Structures are given as structure tokens and as C-alpha cells.
Protein backbone atom coordinates (compact mmCIF):
# COMPACT_ATOMS: atom_id res chain seq x y z
CA MET A 1 143.43 51.74 96.90
CA ALA A 2 145.11 54.79 94.38
CA ARG A 3 147.21 52.35 92.85
CA LYS A 4 143.85 49.45 92.49
CA ARG A 5 141.82 53.15 90.61
CA CYS A 6 144.89 53.74 88.75
CA GLN A 7 145.33 50.06 87.39
CA THR A 8 141.25 50.53 86.23
CA ALA A 9 141.63 53.58 84.49
CA ILE A 10 144.85 52.30 82.46
CA ASP A 11 142.59 48.81 82.08
CA ASN A 12 139.36 50.85 80.80
CA GLU A 13 141.85 52.97 78.12
CA ALA A 14 143.10 49.57 76.71
CA MET A 15 139.87 48.17 76.81
CA GLN A 16 138.64 51.46 74.70
CA GLN A 17 141.41 51.19 72.53
CA GLU A 18 140.40 47.71 71.55
CA ILE A 19 136.94 48.64 71.06
CA ARG A 20 137.94 51.76 68.80
CA SER A 21 140.37 49.21 66.90
CA ALA A 22 137.29 46.60 66.45
CA ILE A 23 134.70 49.73 65.41
CA ALA A 24 137.21 50.33 62.86
CA GLN A 25 137.89 46.77 61.48
CA LEU A 26 134.17 46.01 61.15
CA GLY A 27 133.45 49.29 59.45
CA LEU A 28 130.83 50.36 62.15
CA GLY A 29 130.09 53.88 62.77
CA GLN A 30 131.54 55.11 59.16
CA GLY A 31 130.86 58.65 58.62
CA GLN A 32 129.95 59.34 62.49
CA THR A 33 131.87 60.84 65.34
CA LEU A 34 132.49 58.42 68.09
CA ARG A 35 131.66 60.70 71.23
CA GLN A 36 131.76 58.74 74.07
CA MET A 37 132.24 55.18 75.84
CA ALA A 38 130.61 53.96 79.19
CA GLN A 39 131.50 50.64 80.99
CA LEU A 40 127.80 48.93 81.41
CA ASN A 41 127.40 48.01 85.16
CA GLY A 42 125.64 44.78 86.51
CA GLY A 43 127.07 41.77 84.69
CA VAL A 44 129.74 39.21 86.14
CA SER A 45 130.98 37.03 83.06
CA SER A 46 131.76 40.03 80.74
CA ASP A 47 132.49 43.57 80.31
CA ILE A 48 130.07 45.43 78.19
CA TRP A 49 130.48 48.65 77.24
CA ARG A 50 127.84 51.34 75.32
CA ILE A 51 129.69 53.33 72.52
CA ASP A 52 127.64 56.78 71.28
CA PHE A 53 127.76 57.81 68.29
CA GLU A 54 126.38 61.10 66.91
CA ASP A 55 122.67 59.69 66.22
CA HIS A 56 123.04 56.02 67.62
CA SER A 57 124.06 53.87 70.25
CA ILE A 58 125.58 50.66 70.02
CA CYS A 59 127.09 47.84 72.46
CA ALA A 60 130.71 45.78 72.71
CA LYS A 61 130.90 42.47 74.72
CA ARG A 62 133.94 40.69 75.70
CA ALA A 63 133.82 37.59 78.06
CA LEU A 64 135.98 37.72 80.76
CA ALA A 65 138.08 34.19 82.08
CA LYS A 66 137.47 34.99 85.72
CA LEU A 67 133.77 35.61 86.71
CA LYS A 68 133.16 38.97 89.17
CA VAL A 69 131.67 36.63 91.72
CA ALA A 70 133.05 35.60 95.50
CA ALA A 71 134.15 32.14 94.11
CA ASP A 72 136.78 30.84 92.32
CA TRP A 73 135.00 30.81 89.27
CA HIS A 74 136.51 30.35 85.71
CA ALA A 75 134.92 30.01 82.38
CA PRO A 76 136.49 29.57 78.54
CA LEU A 77 136.37 33.04 76.73
CA SER A 78 135.21 30.58 73.78
CA ARG A 79 131.96 30.99 75.36
CA ASN A 80 131.49 34.36 73.29
CA ALA A 81 131.70 32.99 70.05
CA TYR A 82 129.17 30.28 70.83
CA GLU A 83 126.76 33.66 72.29
CA TYR A 84 127.21 35.45 68.87
CA ALA A 85 126.45 31.90 67.15
CA TRP A 86 123.11 31.56 69.25
CA TYR A 87 122.09 34.91 68.06
CA GLU A 88 122.95 34.07 64.22
CA VAL A 89 120.87 31.22 64.63
CA ILE A 90 118.01 33.15 66.48
CA SER A 91 117.78 36.72 64.86
CA PRO A 92 116.47 35.06 61.53
CA LEU A 93 113.40 32.98 63.38
CA PHE A 94 112.56 35.57 66.13
CA PRO A 95 114.11 39.23 64.82
CA GLN A 96 112.09 40.96 67.80
CA ALA A 97 112.83 38.78 70.32
CA VAL A 98 117.06 39.46 70.25
CA PRO A 99 119.00 42.64 69.81
CA ARG A 100 120.56 43.15 66.27
CA MET A 101 124.22 41.81 65.72
CA LEU A 102 126.35 44.24 64.33
CA GLY A 103 129.53 41.77 63.55
CA ARG A 104 132.43 39.65 65.78
CA ASP A 105 136.10 40.54 65.65
CA GLU A 106 137.45 37.48 66.23
CA ALA A 107 141.36 38.69 67.09
CA SER A 108 139.57 40.90 69.83
CA GLY A 109 137.16 38.32 71.33
CA MET A 110 134.56 40.70 71.28
CA PHE A 111 131.04 41.42 69.09
CA PHE A 112 128.68 44.41 68.86
CA MET A 113 125.09 44.95 68.83
CA SER A 114 122.39 47.05 69.08
CA TYR A 115 121.77 49.13 72.09
CA LEU A 116 118.02 48.94 73.21
CA ASP A 117 117.19 52.08 76.03
CA ALA A 118 115.83 51.21 79.18
CA ASP A 119 112.93 53.66 78.83
CA THR A 120 111.37 51.46 75.87
CA HIS A 121 113.26 47.89 77.07
CA PRO A 122 113.10 47.88 80.87
CA VAL A 123 114.90 45.04 82.75
CA TRP A 124 112.22 42.39 83.86
CA LYS A 125 114.33 41.59 86.64
CA ALA A 126 113.92 45.74 88.00
CA GLN A 127 110.56 45.66 87.21
CA LEU A 128 109.51 42.39 89.26
CA LEU A 129 111.61 43.78 92.43
CA GLN A 130 110.04 47.04 91.99
CA GLY A 131 106.52 44.97 92.37
CA HIS A 132 105.72 45.52 89.06
CA ILE A 133 104.86 41.95 87.91
CA SER A 134 102.99 41.13 85.07
CA PRO A 135 101.82 37.28 84.70
CA GLY A 136 101.01 37.88 80.92
CA PHE A 137 104.32 39.01 80.24
CA ALA A 138 105.39 36.04 82.13
CA LYS A 139 103.19 33.85 79.52
CA GLN A 140 105.01 35.35 76.84
CA VAL A 141 108.36 34.42 77.93
CA GLY A 142 106.95 30.83 78.07
CA GLN A 143 105.69 31.28 74.87
CA THR A 144 108.79 32.51 72.96
CA LEU A 145 111.29 30.10 74.74
CA GLY A 146 109.15 27.24 73.88
CA HIS A 147 109.00 28.43 70.34
CA MET A 148 113.00 28.68 70.16
CA HIS A 149 113.34 25.34 71.62
CA ALA A 150 110.97 24.02 69.01
CA ALA A 151 112.39 25.46 66.15
CA THR A 152 115.70 23.95 66.91
CA ALA A 153 114.98 20.61 68.04
CA HIS A 154 116.39 17.61 66.93
CA ASN A 155 118.82 19.82 64.57
CA ALA A 156 122.39 17.72 63.56
CA LYS A 157 123.80 20.47 61.99
CA LEU A 158 122.88 22.75 65.07
CA ALA A 159 124.20 19.91 67.38
CA GLN A 160 127.35 20.18 65.57
CA ARG A 161 127.73 23.77 65.40
CA PHE A 162 127.32 24.01 69.43
CA GLN A 163 129.34 21.38 70.72
CA SER A 164 130.19 23.46 74.01
CA ASP A 165 129.50 20.98 76.67
CA ALA A 166 132.78 21.83 78.31
CA GLU A 167 131.94 25.67 78.24
CA PHE A 168 128.28 24.57 79.22
CA HIS A 169 129.80 22.11 82.51
CA ALA A 170 132.34 25.53 83.49
CA LEU A 171 129.37 28.12 83.39
CA ARG A 172 126.32 26.11 84.49
CA LEU A 173 126.51 22.18 85.69
CA ASP A 174 129.87 22.56 87.85
CA PRO A 175 129.07 25.72 89.86
CA TYR A 176 125.45 25.01 90.02
CA LEU A 177 125.04 21.30 90.54
CA LEU A 178 128.43 19.97 91.38
CA ALA A 179 129.19 22.87 93.56
CA THR A 180 125.97 22.31 95.69
CA ALA A 181 126.59 18.63 96.08
CA GLN A 182 130.11 19.80 97.95
CA ARG A 183 127.90 21.39 100.30
CA HIS A 184 125.55 19.40 100.62
CA PRO A 185 126.91 15.57 101.10
CA ALA A 186 123.41 13.97 102.05
CA LEU A 187 122.10 15.61 98.78
CA ALA A 188 124.80 14.32 96.64
CA PRO A 189 123.99 11.54 95.06
CA ARG A 190 120.46 13.19 93.99
CA LEU A 191 122.23 16.63 92.57
CA HIS A 192 124.74 14.43 90.87
CA ALA A 193 122.47 12.26 88.86
CA LEU A 194 120.48 15.31 88.17
CA TYR A 195 124.08 16.20 86.47
CA GLN A 196 124.79 13.47 84.63
CA GLN A 197 120.56 13.43 83.11
CA THR A 198 121.26 17.33 82.15
CA ALA A 199 124.83 16.68 80.83
CA ASN A 200 123.46 13.53 78.41
CA ALA A 201 120.73 15.66 77.05
CA HIS A 202 121.22 16.71 73.36
CA MET A 203 117.81 17.84 72.16
CA ALA A 204 117.70 21.53 71.38
CA LEU A 205 119.53 24.80 71.40
CA VAL A 206 119.86 26.31 75.09
CA HIS A 207 120.54 29.59 75.55
CA GLY A 208 121.46 28.71 79.11
CA ASP A 209 120.93 31.82 81.07
CA ILE A 210 117.12 32.54 80.90
CA SER A 211 117.04 34.94 84.01
CA PRO A 212 114.68 38.48 84.28
CA LYS A 213 118.31 40.16 84.63
CA ASN A 214 118.86 38.77 80.86
CA ILE A 215 114.89 39.58 79.62
CA LEU A 216 113.97 43.18 78.40
CA MET A 217 110.18 43.90 78.28
CA GLY A 218 110.33 45.29 74.72
CA PRO A 219 107.18 46.73 73.15
CA GLN A 220 106.60 43.48 70.98
CA GLY A 221 107.49 41.18 73.84
CA PRO A 222 110.30 39.81 75.43
CA VAL A 223 114.20 40.50 74.16
CA PHE A 224 116.65 37.68 75.42
CA LEU A 225 120.03 39.14 76.35
CA ASP A 226 123.42 37.23 76.98
CA ALA A 227 123.49 33.61 75.53
CA GLU A 228 127.00 33.11 77.01
CA CYS A 229 125.78 29.71 77.95
CA ALA A 230 124.44 28.65 74.59
CA TRP A 231 124.72 24.90 74.61
CA TYR A 232 122.98 22.13 72.06
CA GLY A 233 121.57 20.16 75.01
CA ASP A 234 118.46 20.04 77.32
CA PRO A 235 115.85 22.56 77.27
CA ALA A 236 114.25 21.85 80.58
CA PHE A 237 117.25 23.75 81.97
CA ASP A 238 115.95 26.74 80.39
CA VAL A 239 112.61 26.73 81.57
CA ALA A 240 113.64 25.60 85.19
CA PHE A 241 116.32 28.55 85.38
CA CYS A 242 113.60 30.87 84.68
CA LEU A 243 110.43 29.73 87.05
CA ASN A 244 113.37 29.26 89.40
CA HIS A 245 114.10 32.68 89.96
CA LEU A 246 110.29 33.78 90.10
CA LEU A 247 110.03 31.06 93.23
CA LEU A 248 113.33 33.21 94.62
CA LYS A 249 111.32 36.45 94.04
CA ALA A 250 108.68 34.93 95.92
CA VAL A 251 110.63 33.98 98.86
CA HIS A 252 111.85 37.45 98.73
CA MET A 253 108.82 39.46 98.19
CA PRO A 254 105.93 37.02 100.03
CA GLN A 255 103.92 40.23 99.67
CA HIS A 256 103.76 39.79 95.91
CA GLN A 257 103.68 35.83 96.19
CA GLY A 258 100.28 35.27 94.11
CA LEU A 259 101.08 37.51 91.61
CA LEU A 260 104.79 35.72 91.30
CA ALA A 261 102.56 32.09 91.65
CA ASP A 262 100.32 33.37 88.83
CA SER A 263 103.41 34.32 86.61
CA PHE A 264 105.18 30.86 87.10
CA THR A 265 102.18 28.93 86.12
CA GLN A 266 101.51 31.36 82.95
CA LEU A 267 105.32 31.20 81.83
CA SER A 268 105.06 26.88 82.41
CA GLN A 269 101.90 26.19 81.18
CA ALA A 270 102.71 28.36 77.71
CA TYR A 271 106.28 26.91 77.61
CA LEU A 272 104.78 23.02 78.10
CA ASN A 273 102.15 24.28 75.10
CA GLN A 274 105.01 24.19 72.54
CA VAL A 275 106.54 21.15 73.54
CA ASN A 276 106.39 18.87 70.86
CA TRP A 277 109.79 17.54 70.44
CA GLU A 278 109.26 14.62 72.77
CA PRO A 279 106.23 13.67 75.13
CA VAL A 280 105.39 16.84 77.75
CA ALA A 281 105.04 14.31 80.58
CA VAL A 282 108.31 13.44 80.17
CA PHE A 283 109.86 16.72 79.51
CA GLU A 284 108.00 18.29 82.35
CA GLN A 285 109.06 15.46 84.96
CA ARG A 286 113.08 16.63 84.01
CA ALA A 287 112.10 19.81 84.52
CA ALA A 288 110.30 19.73 87.69
CA GLN A 289 112.90 17.46 89.28
CA LEU A 290 115.67 19.76 88.24
CA LEU A 291 114.11 23.23 89.57
CA PRO A 292 114.76 22.27 93.20
CA ALA A 293 118.72 21.81 92.75
CA LEU A 294 118.45 25.25 90.93
CA LEU A 295 117.03 26.90 93.68
CA LEU A 296 119.47 25.44 96.29
CA ALA A 297 122.36 26.73 93.96
CA ARG A 298 120.82 30.09 94.58
CA VAL A 299 121.82 30.48 97.85
CA ASP A 300 124.65 27.56 98.16
CA GLY A 301 126.21 27.39 94.32
CA LYS A 302 128.99 29.56 93.17
CA SER A 303 126.33 32.02 92.15
CA PRO A 304 124.14 33.25 94.75
CA VAL A 305 121.31 35.90 94.20
CA GLU A 306 122.05 38.92 95.98
CA TYR A 307 119.14 39.94 97.05
CA LEU A 308 118.48 36.95 99.31
CA THR A 309 120.88 37.88 102.37
CA SER A 310 118.90 37.20 105.40
CA THR A 311 119.48 33.84 107.16
CA HIS A 312 115.76 33.42 107.68
CA THR A 313 115.17 33.59 103.74
CA GLN A 314 118.35 31.33 103.08
CA VAL A 315 117.01 28.77 105.55
CA GLN A 316 113.62 28.98 103.70
CA VAL A 317 115.23 28.29 99.95
CA ARG A 318 116.91 25.05 101.42
CA HIS A 319 114.04 24.11 103.20
CA ILE A 320 111.89 24.26 99.80
CA ALA A 321 114.78 23.17 97.91
CA THR A 322 115.60 20.04 99.92
CA GLN A 323 112.01 18.76 100.19
CA GLY A 324 111.87 18.65 95.91
CA LEU A 325 114.91 17.01 96.00
CA GLN A 326 113.62 14.16 98.69
CA HIS A 327 110.76 13.57 96.51
CA ILE A 328 110.34 12.32 92.61
CA TYR A 329 108.08 15.86 91.18
CA THR A 330 106.32 14.81 87.84
CA HIS A 331 104.77 18.26 87.51
CA LEU A 332 106.42 21.51 87.82
CA GLN A 333 102.89 23.04 89.69
CA GLN A 334 104.31 20.52 92.60
CA VAL A 335 107.76 22.82 93.14
CA LEU A 336 104.97 25.97 93.14
CA ALA A 337 102.66 24.13 95.83
CA THR A 338 105.61 23.37 98.10
CA THR A 339 107.08 27.05 97.76
CA LEU A 340 103.64 28.40 98.32
CA LYS A 341 103.30 26.00 101.73
CA ALA A 342 106.56 26.94 102.86
CA LEU A 343 105.86 30.79 102.82
CA ALA A 344 102.37 30.62 104.21
CA PRO A 345 101.95 32.43 108.01
């Protein structure tokens, strides 16, 4: 244990030195004293540091080759460049919905962005788990996400810039769909079909990790973080990925299922109102079919949610997801109805 702590201290010192070097290379914080650096907790795929200058703070982020989860999960480091590129595309279009990018140091593989304080930008996930559930904010998330996808749909230049199929496979399709198929042989044909359907769709710029843990509740609306999975692909993945977390929290907190169900409805409807790149019914069917697969993946894939610890809640999720995978849903509300029926006393 002492040796491990010593190695951690050495690694942290080396990282801090790299951060200082990158800051100097990019000309950040000129004329100001760098007061302190602290590693931030919570992420499993990157090292994130807060850097405090005299009158402001910034963040540094660098991707990890091996993710900090129980499963053996590796992903290409090139995702750091794709994440920064996602911000470069989205920031001019939706400046209020992302942190301000300050520069990327290619040699060290890290980039810098503004630091947003938790007092003014609380994390949506933390608010949900504390029972502070705002369907109105969920509506803002759906509306903003829909606008982002509409603004980037059918764009050949973006499709060329974000050829990150290998990264998306390693970060999302394999650990969520294919890993879950290995655990559920009876459902494997359906999960493999959804894998192929998702992998072959290239329609808009996808964030890839639209989770409440990556959304801040800013004064002007949602602020989106952690676009490591950026990919020019199927926007249905983003909306299903986010709605999935509302269903999981309804299982975890059945006393709040009414507000969480309302949040699900508000988010999905606000999003669907923005779909103009294909027929809404076609899009919604893909999202509704993908959602149960993602639900099952969060208990039996490589990245299970940390708060569903009881056998009872895990069995509930498997039951809901299995029903969804055995039926061909056409509407997102059908997935919600299945969930609420399973949670009924």
C-alpha cells in the first residue's frame, strides 16, 4: 500500500510538471502566479485537473489508455483530439452550452478549458440523486441536444472530420452492446442487430456520453461536458443514452418516479420537436429500440451504474430491458410505460 501511494505521488508530480509545460507552451496564465493544482474526482476515462491562478481557475484534461473500471477496458487516446474538435464545432453555434476552450497541447495530449464552479453550475446527476428533479431542465436538455444534432446533420465536412468509428466502437458499441450480448446469449441476436444498425448510421455529430454526470445546470441552461466519444453517427444514440439514465434513477428512487417520468417525457418530446433531418417516426423507432439495450448494459455491460447495488434493482432493470428487447417498440413512451408498470407496487 505504501509503495502504491508513493507511485501515485510520483505520477501526480510528473503530471503536474507536464501541465506546467503545456500551460507555458500555450501561453495560458501569463503574468499570473499559478497557485495550486488539484486532481478532480469522478471520471473513469481521463485525468482531469483544476489549476488555480490568482484570479481564475482552468481545467486540464487528458485521456487514459485504460479506463478506471473493474472490466478490462481500453480505448484509443486519439479520442482526446476528437473531443476537443467537438467543442470547436459546437462552441461557435452554442457558446452558452459548453465550457470555453483555451487550447490543446498536441505533444502532451491534453487540452485546457474554463473551470465552472459548482455553486453556479451544479452537476445534474448530483441534483437528481438528491431528489431535486426539474422536468423543465430536462426539457432544456432535450431541446438543446436536438438543436445541436439539427445544426450538424448531413454535413459532409463534419462527417470527414469525425471519422471516429474505431473510437466509438471501443468506447460505446463494444462495452455496451457487444459485452452485454456475451452475458445474455438469448438476447445476443437482437443486441448484435442493434449494434449493426447504430454503427452503420452516419447522420449528425454525436456527443456519445449525454449523461446527467456530464451536464451542468448553468444559469442559461444546460452545459455539456466530456465529449470523448464524439462521432459522426446516429443521433438516436445520444437521446437514448440520456433517457436511459432517467429510467435507471426511477428504479433507484421509486419515490420520485413521477417527476422522473415527467422529465423523460419533457426531454424526449422537446428533442423530437427538433428532428428535421429524417422522418420523426423513423428516428424515434431507432431510439426506442436502442434504449432497452442501453438499459441492460448499465447492469451487465462493462460500465454498470454505481448506485444500483441491490440484486432486486438489478433484476428489475433486466426484466424491463428484456421486455423491451423482445418487442419492437416504435415510441419512446412505450419504454417508459414498461418501466413504470414494472415499478408499480
